[in-house]
């Protein structure tokens, strides 16, 4: 249990908060494995290079991640006053979301389960 007054506890918790600009997409209809292929390609790159990679990547997840990256860049410019030239992707990861379970009818009265997986994708930027 934390010691001190409630306002003091809140002040300490807010002081530890990460101030880097970021964007998060919850419940993206793409599996974690498929999103990670695209995220691995852009991790550590500057934002102009990452946008170019995402524009020419044929995977579906790249269009979703491109939109998310543009949102993170806009957050960096408006909220933090950072310039686009110095930004790079410090962190990007996909966490497992809920799974929609569907049933597919098969031969002889059987039913196969289809799992439509979702993910929560996060991009964190930083300045060089």
N, C-alpha and C. Protein backbone atom coordinates (compact mmCIF):
# COMPACT_ATOMS: atom_id res chain seq x y z
N UNK A 1 0.85 -1.19 0.00
CA UNK A 1 0.00 0.00 0.00
C UNK A 1 0.89 1.24 0.00
N UNK A 2 0.53 2.21 -0.84
CA UNK A 2 1.32 3.44 -0.97
C UNK A 2 1.08 4.34 0.23
N UNK A 3 2.14 5.03 0.63
CA UNK A 3 2.03 5.94 1.78
C UNK A 3 1.89 7.37 1.29
N UNK A 4 1.24 8.20 2.07
CA UNK A 4 1.10 9.61 1.74
C UNK A 4 -0.33 9.95 1.37
N UNK A 5 -0.53 11.23 1.13
CA UNK A 5 -1.84 11.73 0.79
C UNK A 5 -2.18 11.36 -0.66
N UNK A 6 -3.47 11.31 -0.96
CA UNK A 6 -3.92 10.90 -2.29
C UNK A 6 -3.34 11.79 -3.38
N UNK A 7 -3.30 13.09 -3.15
CA UNK A 7 -2.77 14.01 -4.16
C UNK A 7 -1.26 13.81 -4.36
N UNK A 8 -0.56 13.48 -3.29
CA UNK A 8 0.88 13.22 -3.39
C UNK A 8 1.13 11.95 -4.19
N UNK A 9 0.32 10.94 -3.97
CA UNK A 9 0.46 9.69 -4.70
C UNK A 9 0.22 9.92 -6.18
N UNK A 10 -0.83 10.71 -6.51
CA UNK A 10 -1.12 11.02 -7.92
C UNK A 10 0.00 11.80 -8.56
N UNK A 11 0.57 12.75 -7.81
CA UNK A 11 1.66 13.58 -8.33
C UNK A 11 2.88 12.72 -8.67
N UNK A 12 3.19 11.77 -7.79
CA UNK A 12 4.33 10.88 -8.03
C UNK A 12 4.07 9.96 -9.22
N UNK A 13 2.84 9.47 -9.35
CA UNK A 13 2.50 8.59 -10.45
C UNK A 13 2.57 9.33 -11.79
N UNK A 14 2.09 10.57 -11.83
CA UNK A 14 2.14 11.36 -13.06
C UNK A 14 3.55 11.78 -13.42
N UNK A 15 4.45 11.91 -12.43
CA UNK A 15 5.83 12.28 -12.72
C UNK A 15 6.56 11.15 -13.44
N UNK A 16 6.12 9.91 -13.22
CA UNK A 16 6.77 8.76 -13.85
C UNK A 16 6.21 8.48 -15.25
N UNK A 17 5.20 9.25 -15.68
CA UNK A 17 4.55 8.99 -16.95
C UNK A 17 5.49 9.24 -18.12
N UNK A 18 5.35 8.43 -19.16
CA UNK A 18 6.16 8.55 -20.37
C UNK A 18 5.67 9.74 -21.19
N UNK A 19 6.55 10.68 -21.51
CA UNK A 19 6.14 11.89 -22.22
C UNK A 19 6.38 11.79 -23.73
N UNK A 20 6.88 10.65 -24.19
CA UNK A 20 7.11 10.50 -25.63
C UNK A 20 5.77 10.41 -26.37
N UNK A 21 5.71 10.98 -27.59
CA UNK A 21 4.45 10.91 -28.33
C UNK A 21 4.18 9.49 -28.81
N UNK A 22 2.91 9.10 -28.76
CA UNK A 22 2.56 7.74 -29.14
C UNK A 22 1.15 7.71 -29.70
N UNK A 23 0.80 6.58 -30.30
CA UNK A 23 -0.56 6.33 -30.77
C UNK A 23 -0.84 4.85 -30.57
N UNK A 24 -2.09 4.55 -30.19
CA UNK A 24 -2.48 3.17 -29.93
C UNK A 24 -3.76 2.87 -30.68
N UNK A 25 -3.78 1.72 -31.33
CA UNK A 25 -4.98 1.25 -32.01
C UNK A 25 -5.44 -0.02 -31.31
N UNK A 26 -6.63 0.04 -30.74
CA UNK A 26 -7.18 -1.13 -30.05
C UNK A 26 -8.13 -1.87 -30.97
N UNK A 27 -8.19 -3.16 -30.81
CA UNK A 27 -9.11 -4.03 -31.53
C UNK A 27 -8.91 -3.96 -33.05
N UNK A 28 -7.67 -3.96 -33.49
CA UNK A 28 -7.38 -4.02 -34.93
C UNK A 28 -7.67 -5.43 -35.42
N UNK A 29 -8.37 -5.54 -36.55
CA UNK A 29 -8.76 -6.85 -37.04
C UNK A 29 -7.64 -7.50 -37.84
N UNK A 30 -6.51 -7.66 -37.19
CA UNK A 30 -5.37 -8.36 -37.77
C UNK A 30 -4.69 -9.11 -36.63
N UNK A 31 -4.19 -10.28 -36.91
CA UNK A 31 -3.58 -11.07 -35.84
C UNK A 31 -2.22 -10.48 -35.45
N UNK A 32 -1.78 -10.80 -34.25
CA UNK A 32 -0.52 -10.27 -33.73
C UNK A 32 0.65 -10.72 -34.61
N UNK A 33 0.63 -11.97 -35.03
CA UNK A 33 1.72 -12.49 -35.84
C UNK A 33 1.85 -11.73 -37.15
N UNK A 34 0.73 -11.44 -37.80
CA UNK A 34 0.76 -10.74 -39.09
C UNK A 34 1.15 -9.28 -38.91
N UNK A 35 0.71 -8.66 -37.81
CA UNK A 35 1.09 -7.27 -37.54
C UNK A 35 2.57 -7.15 -37.23
N UNK A 36 3.13 -8.16 -36.55
CA UNK A 36 4.54 -8.11 -36.15
C UNK A 36 5.49 -8.19 -37.35
N UNK A 37 5.08 -8.84 -38.45
CA UNK A 37 5.91 -8.86 -39.65
C UNK A 37 6.17 -7.44 -40.13
N UNK A 38 5.12 -6.61 -40.12
CA UNK A 38 5.23 -5.23 -40.59
C UNK A 38 5.94 -4.36 -39.56
N UNK A 39 5.63 -4.56 -38.28
CA UNK A 39 6.25 -3.75 -37.22
C UNK A 39 7.75 -3.99 -37.13
N UNK A 40 8.19 -5.22 -37.37
CA UNK A 40 9.62 -5.52 -37.33
C UNK A 40 10.37 -4.80 -38.44
N UNK A 41 9.69 -4.55 -39.57
CA UNK A 41 10.34 -3.89 -40.70
C UNK A 41 10.58 -2.41 -40.44
N UNK A 42 9.76 -1.77 -39.59
CA UNK A 42 9.89 -0.32 -39.38
C UNK A 42 10.50 0.06 -38.03
N UNK A 43 10.71 -0.90 -37.14
CA UNK A 43 11.22 -0.59 -35.81
C UNK A 43 12.61 0.04 -35.88
N UNK A 44 12.80 1.20 -35.22
CA UNK A 44 14.09 1.88 -35.18
C UNK A 44 14.36 2.81 -36.35
N UNK A 45 13.49 2.82 -37.36
CA UNK A 45 13.70 3.67 -38.53
C UNK A 45 13.15 5.07 -38.29
N UNK A 46 13.64 6.05 -39.07
CA UNK A 46 13.04 7.39 -38.98
C UNK A 46 11.69 7.35 -39.69
N UNK A 47 10.82 8.34 -39.39
CA UNK A 47 9.43 8.26 -39.82
C UNK A 47 9.27 8.34 -41.34
N UNK A 48 10.12 9.11 -42.03
CA UNK A 48 9.99 9.19 -43.49
C UNK A 48 10.29 7.83 -44.13
N UNK A 49 11.33 7.15 -43.66
CA UNK A 49 11.67 5.82 -44.18
C UNK A 49 10.57 4.82 -43.85
N UNK A 50 10.03 4.91 -42.64
CA UNK A 50 8.98 3.98 -42.22
C UNK A 50 7.72 4.16 -43.06
N UNK A 51 7.35 5.41 -43.35
CA UNK A 51 6.18 5.66 -44.18
C UNK A 51 6.38 5.12 -45.60
N UNK A 52 7.62 5.25 -46.11
CA UNK A 52 7.92 4.71 -47.44
C UNK A 52 7.83 3.19 -47.46
N UNK A 53 8.33 2.54 -46.41
CA UNK A 53 8.26 1.08 -46.32
C UNK A 53 6.80 0.63 -46.26
N UNK A 54 6.00 1.33 -45.46
CA UNK A 54 4.60 0.94 -45.30
C UNK A 54 3.79 1.17 -46.57
N UNK A 55 4.15 2.21 -47.34
CA UNK A 55 3.40 2.52 -48.56
C UNK A 55 3.56 1.42 -49.60
N UNK A 56 4.72 0.77 -49.64
CA UNK A 56 4.98 -0.24 -50.67
C UNK A 56 4.96 -1.67 -50.14
N UNK A 57 4.53 -1.85 -48.91
CA UNK A 57 4.40 -3.20 -48.35
C UNK A 57 3.04 -3.77 -48.74
N UNK A 58 2.99 -4.96 -49.33
CA UNK A 58 1.70 -5.49 -49.82
C UNK A 58 0.77 -6.04 -48.74
N UNK A 59 1.23 -6.18 -47.52
CA UNK A 59 0.40 -6.78 -46.48
C UNK A 59 -0.72 -5.84 -46.05
N UNK A 60 -1.85 -6.44 -45.60
CA UNK A 60 -2.99 -5.66 -45.13
C UNK A 60 -2.64 -4.85 -43.89
N UNK A 61 -1.85 -5.43 -43.00
CA UNK A 61 -1.50 -4.76 -41.74
C UNK A 61 -0.74 -3.46 -41.98
N UNK A 62 -0.04 -3.36 -43.12
CA UNK A 62 0.76 -2.15 -43.38
C UNK A 62 -0.12 -0.92 -43.57
N UNK A 63 -1.30 -1.08 -44.16
CA UNK A 63 -2.20 0.07 -44.33
C UNK A 63 -2.74 0.54 -42.98
N UNK A 64 -3.03 -0.41 -42.09
CA UNK A 64 -3.52 -0.07 -40.75
C UNK A 64 -2.42 0.62 -39.94
N UNK A 65 -1.20 0.10 -40.02
CA UNK A 65 -0.08 0.65 -39.26
C UNK A 65 0.35 2.01 -39.82
N UNK A 66 0.23 2.19 -41.14
CA UNK A 66 0.56 3.48 -41.75
C UNK A 66 -0.33 4.59 -41.21
N UNK A 67 -1.63 4.30 -41.10
CA UNK A 67 -2.57 5.26 -40.55
C UNK A 67 -2.25 5.58 -39.09
N UNK A 68 -1.87 4.56 -38.34
CA UNK A 68 -1.51 4.73 -36.94
C UNK A 68 -0.24 5.56 -36.79
N UNK A 69 0.75 5.33 -37.66
CA UNK A 69 2.00 6.08 -37.62
C UNK A 69 1.76 7.56 -37.94
N UNK A 70 0.89 7.83 -38.90
CA UNK A 70 0.56 9.23 -39.23
C UNK A 70 -0.11 9.92 -38.05
N UNK A 71 -0.92 9.17 -37.31
CA UNK A 71 -1.55 9.71 -36.11
C UNK A 71 -0.52 10.02 -35.03
N UNK A 72 0.47 9.14 -34.86
CA UNK A 72 1.53 9.37 -33.87
C UNK A 72 2.38 10.58 -34.25
N UNK A 73 2.64 10.77 -35.55
CA UNK A 73 3.40 11.93 -36.02
C UNK A 73 2.62 13.22 -35.73
N UNK A 74 1.31 13.19 -35.99
CA UNK A 74 0.47 14.36 -35.72
C UNK A 74 0.43 14.68 -34.23
N UNK A 75 0.40 13.63 -33.39
CA UNK A 75 0.44 13.84 -31.93
C UNK A 75 1.75 14.49 -31.51
N UNK A 76 2.86 14.08 -32.13
CA UNK A 76 4.17 14.65 -31.80
C UNK A 76 4.24 16.12 -32.18
N UNK A 77 3.66 16.48 -33.33
CA UNK A 77 3.72 17.87 -33.79
C UNK A 77 2.82 18.77 -32.95
N UNK A 78 1.57 18.35 -32.72
CA UNK A 78 0.62 19.23 -32.04
C UNK A 78 0.80 19.26 -30.53
N UNK A 79 0.96 18.09 -29.91
CA UNK A 79 1.01 18.04 -28.44
C UNK A 79 2.40 18.35 -27.88
N UNK A 80 3.45 17.87 -28.56
CA UNK A 80 4.80 18.02 -28.03
C UNK A 80 5.63 19.07 -28.76
N UNK A 81 5.14 19.57 -29.90
CA UNK A 81 5.88 20.58 -30.66
C UNK A 81 7.17 20.08 -31.27
N UNK A 82 7.23 18.80 -31.61
CA UNK A 82 8.45 18.23 -32.21
C UNK A 82 8.40 18.39 -33.72
N UNK A 83 9.58 18.41 -34.35
CA UNK A 83 9.63 18.50 -35.81
C UNK A 83 9.70 17.09 -36.39
N UNK A 84 9.11 16.92 -37.57
CA UNK A 84 9.01 15.59 -38.19
C UNK A 84 10.36 15.04 -38.62
N UNK A 85 11.30 15.93 -38.95
CA UNK A 85 12.60 15.48 -39.48
C UNK A 85 13.40 14.67 -38.45
N UNK A 86 13.24 15.00 -37.17
CA UNK A 86 14.04 14.37 -36.12
C UNK A 86 13.40 13.13 -35.50
N UNK A 87 12.17 12.81 -35.89
CA UNK A 87 11.44 11.72 -35.24
C UNK A 87 11.86 10.35 -35.77
N UNK A 88 11.89 9.38 -34.87
CA UNK A 88 12.11 7.99 -35.25
C UNK A 88 11.22 7.09 -34.39
N UNK A 89 11.05 5.86 -34.81
CA UNK A 89 10.18 4.93 -34.10
C UNK A 89 10.98 4.26 -32.99
N UNK A 90 10.74 4.68 -31.76
CA UNK A 90 11.46 4.15 -30.61
C UNK A 90 10.93 2.76 -30.24
N UNK A 91 9.62 2.62 -30.20
CA UNK A 91 8.99 1.34 -29.86
C UNK A 91 7.79 1.12 -30.75
N UNK A 92 7.57 -0.12 -31.13
CA UNK A 92 6.32 -0.49 -31.79
C UNK A 92 6.08 -1.97 -31.49
N UNK A 93 4.88 -2.26 -31.03
CA UNK A 93 4.57 -3.64 -30.66
C UNK A 93 3.07 -3.88 -30.80
N UNK A 94 2.72 -5.15 -30.88
CA UNK A 94 1.33 -5.57 -30.97
C UNK A 94 1.04 -6.56 -29.85
N UNK A 95 0.00 -6.28 -29.10
CA UNK A 95 -0.44 -7.17 -28.03
C UNK A 95 -1.70 -7.90 -28.46
N UNK A 96 -1.92 -9.05 -27.86
CA UNK A 96 -3.06 -9.88 -28.21
C UNK A 96 -4.36 -9.25 -27.72
N UNK A 97 -5.35 -9.21 -28.58
CA UNK A 97 -6.67 -8.72 -28.22
C UNK A 97 -7.65 -9.88 -28.10
N UNK A 98 -8.94 -9.59 -28.03
CA UNK A 98 -9.92 -10.68 -27.94
C UNK A 98 -10.04 -11.43 -29.27
N UNK A 99 -10.54 -12.63 -29.19
CA UNK A 99 -10.70 -13.47 -30.38
C UNK A 99 -12.19 -13.72 -30.61
N UNK A 100 -12.65 -13.44 -31.84
CA UNK A 100 -14.03 -13.76 -32.20
C UNK A 100 -14.07 -15.22 -32.64
N UNK A 101 -14.97 -15.98 -32.07
CA UNK A 101 -15.07 -17.39 -32.40
C UNK A 101 -16.27 -17.61 -33.32
N UNK A 102 -16.01 -18.22 -34.47
CA UNK A 102 -17.05 -18.49 -35.45
C UNK A 102 -17.06 -19.98 -35.76
N UNK A 103 -18.16 -20.46 -36.32
CA UNK A 103 -18.30 -21.87 -36.63
C UNK A 103 -18.46 -22.03 -38.13
N UNK A 104 -17.72 -22.98 -38.71
CA UNK A 104 -17.77 -23.28 -40.14
C UNK A 104 -18.34 -24.68 -40.31
N UNK A 105 -19.46 -24.83 -41.00
CA UNK A 105 -20.01 -26.17 -41.19
C UNK A 105 -19.13 -27.00 -42.13
N UNK A 106 -18.94 -28.26 -41.77
CA UNK A 106 -18.12 -29.17 -42.57
C UNK A 106 -18.95 -30.42 -42.92
N UNK A 107 -18.31 -31.35 -43.60
CA UNK A 107 -19.02 -32.54 -44.07
C UNK A 107 -19.48 -33.42 -42.91
N UNK A 108 -20.55 -34.16 -43.13
CA UNK A 108 -21.10 -35.14 -42.20
C UNK A 108 -21.51 -34.52 -40.86
N UNK A 109 -22.03 -33.30 -40.92
CA UNK A 109 -22.58 -32.65 -39.73
C UNK A 109 -21.56 -32.11 -38.74
N UNK A 110 -20.31 -32.11 -39.13
CA UNK A 110 -19.28 -31.58 -38.23
C UNK A 110 -19.23 -30.06 -38.31
N UNK A 111 -18.60 -29.46 -37.31
CA UNK A 111 -18.41 -28.00 -37.31
C UNK A 111 -16.98 -27.70 -36.89
N UNK A 112 -16.30 -26.90 -37.68
CA UNK A 112 -14.94 -26.48 -37.35
C UNK A 112 -15.00 -25.07 -36.79
N UNK A 113 -14.15 -24.82 -35.81
CA UNK A 113 -14.10 -23.48 -35.23
C UNK A 113 -13.14 -22.60 -36.01
N UNK A 114 -13.58 -21.37 -36.29
CA UNK A 114 -12.73 -20.38 -36.94
C UNK A 114 -12.48 -19.29 -35.91
N UNK A 115 -11.22 -18.94 -35.70
CA UNK A 115 -10.87 -17.90 -34.74
C UNK A 115 -10.40 -16.66 -35.48
N UNK A 116 -11.14 -15.58 -35.31
CA UNK A 116 -10.78 -14.31 -35.94
C UNK A 116 -10.09 -13.47 -34.87
N UNK A 117 -8.79 -13.37 -34.98
CA UNK A 117 -8.00 -12.75 -33.92
C UNK A 117 -7.90 -11.24 -34.09
N UNK A 118 -7.76 -10.55 -32.96
CA UNK A 118 -7.59 -9.10 -32.94
C UNK A 118 -6.30 -8.76 -32.20
N UNK A 119 -5.84 -7.53 -32.38
CA UNK A 119 -4.63 -7.10 -31.68
C UNK A 119 -4.73 -5.64 -31.30
N UNK A 120 -3.94 -5.26 -30.33
CA UNK A 120 -3.80 -3.87 -29.91
C UNK A 120 -2.40 -3.42 -30.32
N UNK A 121 -2.31 -2.47 -31.26
CA UNK A 121 -1.02 -2.05 -31.82
C UNK A 121 -0.64 -0.70 -31.23
N UNK A 122 0.62 -0.56 -30.80
CA UNK A 122 1.12 0.68 -30.20
C UNK A 122 2.40 1.11 -30.91
N UNK A 123 2.47 2.42 -31.21
CA UNK A 123 3.68 3.01 -31.79
C UNK A 123 4.12 4.17 -30.90
N UNK A 124 5.39 4.16 -30.48
CA UNK A 124 5.94 5.23 -29.66
C UNK A 124 7.09 5.87 -30.44
N UNK A 125 7.05 7.19 -30.57
CA UNK A 125 8.09 7.93 -31.30
C UNK A 125 9.02 8.62 -30.32
N UNK A 126 10.17 9.04 -30.82
CA UNK A 126 11.12 9.80 -30.02
C UNK A 126 11.96 10.67 -30.95
N UNK A 127 12.64 11.67 -30.39
CA UNK A 127 13.48 12.56 -31.18
C UNK A 127 14.93 12.13 -31.12
N UNK A 128 15.63 12.30 -32.24
CA UNK A 128 17.06 11.99 -32.28
C UNK A 128 17.83 13.22 -31.89
